[in-house]
Protein backbone atom coordinates (compact mmCIF):
# COMPACT_ATOMS: atom_id res chain seq x y z
CA MET A 1 17.04 -35.58 4.53
CA SER A 2 16.16 -32.34 6.04
CA LEU A 3 15.51 -29.47 4.13
CA ALA A 4 17.38 -26.27 5.11
CA PRO A 5 15.89 -22.74 4.26
CA ALA A 6 17.53 -20.92 1.22
CA PRO A 7 19.84 -18.75 2.11
CA ALA A 8 18.28 -14.83 1.82
CA PRO A 9 19.33 -12.95 -1.47
CA ALA A 10 22.12 -10.64 -0.51
CA PRO A 11 20.68 -6.90 -0.48
CA ALA A 12 21.31 -4.64 -3.19
CA THR A 13 24.44 -2.24 -2.64
CA VAL A 14 26.75 -0.32 -4.44
CA PRO A 15 29.66 -2.57 -5.21
CA ASP A 16 33.03 -1.63 -3.48
CA SER A 17 34.65 -1.51 -6.96
CA THR A 18 32.23 0.95 -8.02
CA SER A 19 34.57 4.60 -8.33
CA ALA A 20 33.72 7.58 -6.80
CA ALA A 21 32.77 8.85 -10.04
CA ALA A 22 30.26 6.43 -10.57
CA ARG A 23 28.96 6.64 -6.95
CA ARG A 24 28.46 10.58 -7.52
CA ALA A 25 26.56 9.87 -10.71
CA ILE A 26 24.35 7.65 -9.20
CA SER A 27 23.94 9.73 -6.16
CA ARG A 28 22.95 12.79 -8.54
CA GLN A 29 20.57 10.34 -10.79
CA ALA A 30 18.40 9.88 -7.26
CA ARG A 31 18.39 13.67 -6.42
CA ASP A 32 17.56 14.67 -9.94
CA ALA A 33 14.43 12.13 -10.10
CA PHE A 34 11.03 13.35 -10.46
CA PRO A 35 9.68 13.17 -6.98
CA PRO A 36 6.52 10.93 -6.58
CA MET A 37 3.84 13.69 -6.27
CA GLY A 38 -0.01 12.48 -6.34
CA ILE A 39 -2.61 12.08 -4.28
CA TRP A 40 -3.04 9.44 -1.42
CA ALA A 41 -5.34 8.30 1.65
CA ILE A 42 -5.88 7.02 4.88
CA ARG A 43 -8.77 4.37 5.35
CA THR A 44 -9.62 4.26 8.53
CA GLY A 45 -13.15 2.04 9.50
CA GLU A 46 -15.31 4.96 9.56
CA ARG A 47 -13.85 7.42 7.24
CA VAL A 48 -11.14 8.15 4.34
CA LEU A 49 -8.88 11.43 4.47
CA VAL A 50 -7.46 12.50 0.97
CA SER A 51 -4.70 14.68 0.68
CA SER A 52 -2.28 15.44 -1.95
CA SER A 53 1.51 15.73 -1.85
CA ARG A 54 4.53 17.06 -3.91
CA ASN A 55 6.47 13.85 -2.27
CA VAL A 56 3.36 11.01 -1.65
CA VAL A 57 5.97 8.63 0.29
CA GLY A 58 7.26 11.36 2.42
CA ALA A 59 3.77 12.34 3.28
CA ILE A 60 2.67 9.27 4.46
CA ASN A 61 5.45 8.40 6.49
CA ARG A 62 5.03 11.09 8.08
CA ALA A 63 1.52 10.87 9.37
CA ARG A 64 2.37 7.36 10.49
CA PHE A 65 4.96 8.61 11.85
CA GLU A 66 3.01 10.96 13.75
CA LEU A 67 0.15 8.82 14.18
CA ARG A 68 2.45 6.47 16.46
CA LEU A 69 4.10 9.08 18.06
CA GLY A 70 0.76 10.57 19.27
CA SER A 71 1.32 13.87 17.54
CA HIS A 72 -0.41 14.15 14.80
CA THR A 73 -2.31 17.40 14.31
CA ASP A 74 -6.04 15.41 13.43
CA ARG A 75 -7.03 14.67 16.68
CA ALA A 76 -9.97 12.52 16.14
CA LEU A 77 -7.41 10.74 13.62
CA GLN A 78 -5.36 10.46 16.68
CA ALA A 79 -8.04 9.10 19.05
CA GLU A 80 -9.15 6.89 16.03
CA TRP A 81 -5.33 5.34 15.99
CA ARG A 82 -4.96 4.73 19.86
CA ARG A 83 -8.09 2.70 19.54
CA ARG A 84 -8.14 0.86 16.38
CA GLY A 85 -4.10 1.64 14.12
CA ASP A 86 -4.07 -1.53 12.91
CA SER A 87 -6.80 -1.49 10.79
CA PHE A 88 -5.76 1.52 9.36
CA VAL A 89 -4.49 1.59 5.33
CA PHE A 90 -2.72 4.09 4.02
CA GLU A 91 -2.57 4.08 -0.10
CA VAL A 92 -1.68 6.09 -2.73
CA LEU A 93 -4.70 6.96 -5.09
CA ALA A 94 -2.99 8.46 -8.21
CA LEU A 95 0.25 9.82 -9.07
CA VAL A 96 1.07 12.91 -11.26
CA LYS A 97 3.40 12.04 -14.57
CA GLN A 98 6.14 14.36 -15.27
CA ARG A 99 5.09 16.95 -18.27
CA GLU A 100 7.96 18.27 -20.64
CA ASP A 101 6.70 21.54 -19.95
CA PRO A 102 8.82 23.02 -17.26
CA ALA A 103 6.41 26.16 -16.64
CA PHE A 104 3.82 23.28 -15.93
CA ASP A 105 1.89 24.31 -12.53
CA TYR A 106 2.21 20.69 -10.47
CA ALA A 107 0.39 22.30 -7.36
CA SER A 108 -2.26 23.01 -9.47
CA GLU A 109 -2.62 19.37 -11.17
CA LEU A 110 -2.51 18.17 -7.42
CA ARG A 111 -5.12 20.62 -6.24
CA GLU A 112 -7.83 19.84 -8.97
CA LEU A 113 -7.30 15.84 -8.46
CA GLU A 114 -7.46 15.86 -4.95
CA GLN A 115 -10.92 18.02 -5.15
CA LEU A 116 -11.72 15.36 -8.24
CA TYR A 117 -11.09 12.42 -5.32
CA ARG A 118 -13.03 13.88 -2.81
CA ASP A 119 -16.27 14.75 -4.92
CA GLU A 120 -16.15 10.63 -6.19
CA LEU A 121 -15.88 9.74 -2.13
CA ALA A 122 -18.52 11.75 -1.67
CA ALA A 123 -20.62 10.52 -4.42
CA THR A 124 -20.25 6.88 -2.98
CA GLY A 125 -20.99 7.99 0.44
CA ALA A 126 -17.57 7.95 1.99
CA ALA A 127 -16.90 10.38 4.60
CA PRO A 128 -13.74 12.23 3.24
């Protein structure tokens, strides 16, 4: 008796029977969703780089892309990537929650959180 591997689950897609109006509503909902903003880091064997972004996922993807392409603006980081890029860890440290107040200053919140994480890393001896 041979055991065949289980078939892979079908990818999540919008069914063909979904109307154009429903597809537009799904698209609008995705576009209007609160972006994942927060603090993220690149951990190498030697140091930790901390940054903030209004789009954490996009910032991490951009950093990876630039490193793979060889065009990252931090030349020391780029050189380290060439030596040992497989040991890099990209992680989200904190996300900012959406506030009810439309005048809330997210940029200020991100700056304060980033400084808090930098101070914490400096206190533990990790080089930011």
